[in-house]
C-alpha atoms as a PDB file:
ATOM      1  CA  UNK A   1       0.000   0.000   0.000  1.00  0.00           C
ATOM      2  CA  UNK A   2       1.336   3.408  -0.950  1.00  0.00           C
ATOM      3  CA  UNK A   3       2.105   5.838   1.833  1.00  0.00           C
ATOM      4  CA  UNK A   4      -0.251   8.781   2.066  1.00  0.00           C
ATOM      5  CA  UNK A   5       1.293  12.187   1.752  1.00  0.00           C
ATOM      6  CA  UNK A   6       0.125  14.735   4.254  1.00  0.00           C
ATOM      7  CA  UNK A   7      -0.321  17.757   2.037  1.00  0.00           C
ATOM      8  CA  UNK A   8      -1.440  20.794   3.954  1.00  0.00           C
ATOM      9  CA  UNK A   9      -3.144  23.398   1.833  1.00  0.00           C
ATOM     10  CA  UNK A  10      -3.046  27.043   2.796  1.00  0.00           C
ATOM     11  CA  UNK A  11      -5.786  29.207   1.327  1.00  0.00           C
ATOM     12  CA  UNK A  12      -5.466  32.958   0.880  1.00  0.00           C
ATOM     13  CA  UNK A  13      -8.364  35.363   0.620  1.00  0.00           C
ATOM     14  CA  UNK A  14      -8.583  37.962  -2.119  1.00  0.00           C
ATOM     15  CA  UNK A  15      -8.054  40.623   0.563  1.00  0.00           C
ATOM     16  CA  UNK A  16      -4.799  39.022   1.686  1.00  0.00           C
ATOM     17  CA  UNK A  17      -3.597  38.785  -1.896  1.00  0.00           C
ATOM     18  CA  UNK A  18      -4.524  42.427  -2.556  1.00  0.00           C
ATOM     19  CA  UNK A  19      -2.436  43.484   0.465  1.00  0.00           C
ATOM     20  CA  UNK A  20       0.539  41.377  -0.630  1.00  0.00           C
ATOM     21  CA  UNK A  21       0.352  42.770  -4.173  1.00  0.00           C
ATOM     22  CA  UNK A  22      -0.377  46.318  -2.957  1.00  0.00           C
ATOM     23  CA  UNK A  23      -3.402  46.592  -5.245  1.00  0.00           C
ATOM     24  CA  UNK A  24      -7.198  46.727  -5.011  1.00  0.00           C
ATOM     25  CA  UNK A  25      -9.590  43.822  -4.528  1.00  0.00           C
ATOM     26  CA  UNK A  26     -10.994  44.565  -7.964  1.00  0.00           C
ATOM     27  CA  UNK A  27      -7.566  44.031  -9.541  1.00  0.00           C
ATOM     28  CA  UNK A  28      -7.301  40.633  -7.845  1.00  0.00           C
ATOM     29  CA  UNK A  29     -10.793  39.716  -9.070  1.00  0.00           C
ATOM     30  CA  UNK A  30      -9.889  40.772 -12.631  1.00  0.00           C
ATOM     31  CA  UNK A  31      -6.802  38.553 -12.538  1.00  0.00           C
ATOM     32  CA  UNK A  32      -8.969  35.638 -11.374  1.00  0.00           C
ATOM     33  CA  UNK A  33     -11.639  36.246 -14.011  1.00  0.00           C
ATOM     34  CA  UNK A  34      -8.962  36.537 -16.734  1.00  0.00           C
ATOM     35  CA  UNK A  35      -7.640  33.116 -15.707  1.00  0.00           C
ATOM     36  CA  UNK A  36      -4.184  34.334 -14.768  1.00  0.00           C
ATOM     37  CA  UNK A  37      -4.675  33.690 -11.041  1.00  0.00           C
ATOM     38  CA  UNK A  38      -6.147  30.288 -10.172  1.00  0.00           C
ATOM     39  CA  UNK A  39      -8.907  30.465  -7.574  1.00  0.00           C
ATOM     40  CA  UNK A  40     -11.727  28.430  -6.106  1.00  0.00           C
ATOM     41  CA  UNK A  41     -15.133  29.558  -4.917  1.00  0.00           C
ATOM     42  CA  UNK A  42     -16.039  29.245  -1.256  1.00  0.00           C
ATOM     43  CA  UNK A  43     -19.637  30.338  -1.201  1.00  0.00           C
ATOM     44  CA  UNK A  44     -19.640  33.831  -2.690  1.00  0.00           C
ATOM     45  CA  UNK A  45     -15.942  34.437  -2.072  1.00  0.00           C
ATOM     46  CA  UNK A  46     -12.822  33.394  -3.951  1.00  0.00           C
ATOM     47  CA  UNK A  47      -9.877  31.699  -2.255  1.00  0.00           C
ATOM     48  CA  UNK A  48      -6.465  30.989  -3.754  1.00  0.00           C
ATOM     49  CA  UNK A  49      -4.036  28.254  -2.800  1.00  0.00           C
ATOM     50  CA  UNK A  50      -0.766  29.742  -1.580  1.00  0.00           C
ATOM     51  CA  UNK A  51       1.141  27.625  -4.146  1.00  0.00           C
ATOM     52  CA  UNK A  52      -1.009  29.044  -6.954  1.00  0.00           C
ATOM     53  CA  UNK A  53      -0.307  32.573  -5.721  1.00  0.00           C
ATOM     54  CA  UNK A  54       3.451  31.870  -5.662  1.00  0.00           C
ATOM     55  CA  UNK A  55       3.269  30.592  -9.266  1.00  0.00           C
ATOM     56  CA  UNK A  56       1.306  33.709 -10.276  1.00  0.00           C
ATOM     57  CA  UNK A  57       3.884  35.993  -8.648  1.00  0.00           C
ATOM     58  CA  UNK A  58       6.759  34.236 -10.395  1.00  0.00           C
ATOM     59  CA  UNK A  59       5.079  34.478 -13.779  1.00  0.00           C
ATOM     60  CA  UNK A  60       3.328  37.873 -13.747  1.00  0.00           C
ATOM     61  CA  UNK A  61       4.836  40.106 -11.065  1.00  0.00           C
ATOM     62  CA  UNK A  62       8.179  41.726 -11.643  1.00  0.00           C
ATOM     63  CA  UNK A  63      10.424  42.348  -8.641  1.00  0.00           C
ATOM     64  CA  UNK A  64      10.972  45.965  -7.703  1.00  0.00           C
ATOM     65  CA  UNK A  65      14.620  46.977  -8.085  1.00  0.00           C
ATOM     66  CA  UNK A  66      16.337  48.357  -5.013  1.00  0.00           C
ATOM     67  CA  UNK A  67      17.230  51.998  -5.432  1.00  0.00           C
END
């Protein structure tokens, strides 16, 4: 029998993501609706797996250069 992996999933709210990206909730929702940011519905709200957010950041967000 194969060993079960204990995968713990961390969900982030759209509000948390907006704070981390320093943008509005509407921007986060647009990214979700455009399919760039993977999300799941929990009732009326969207939640995003932390791994999906990390992939989004790596692909779409450019690091800010230190001045």
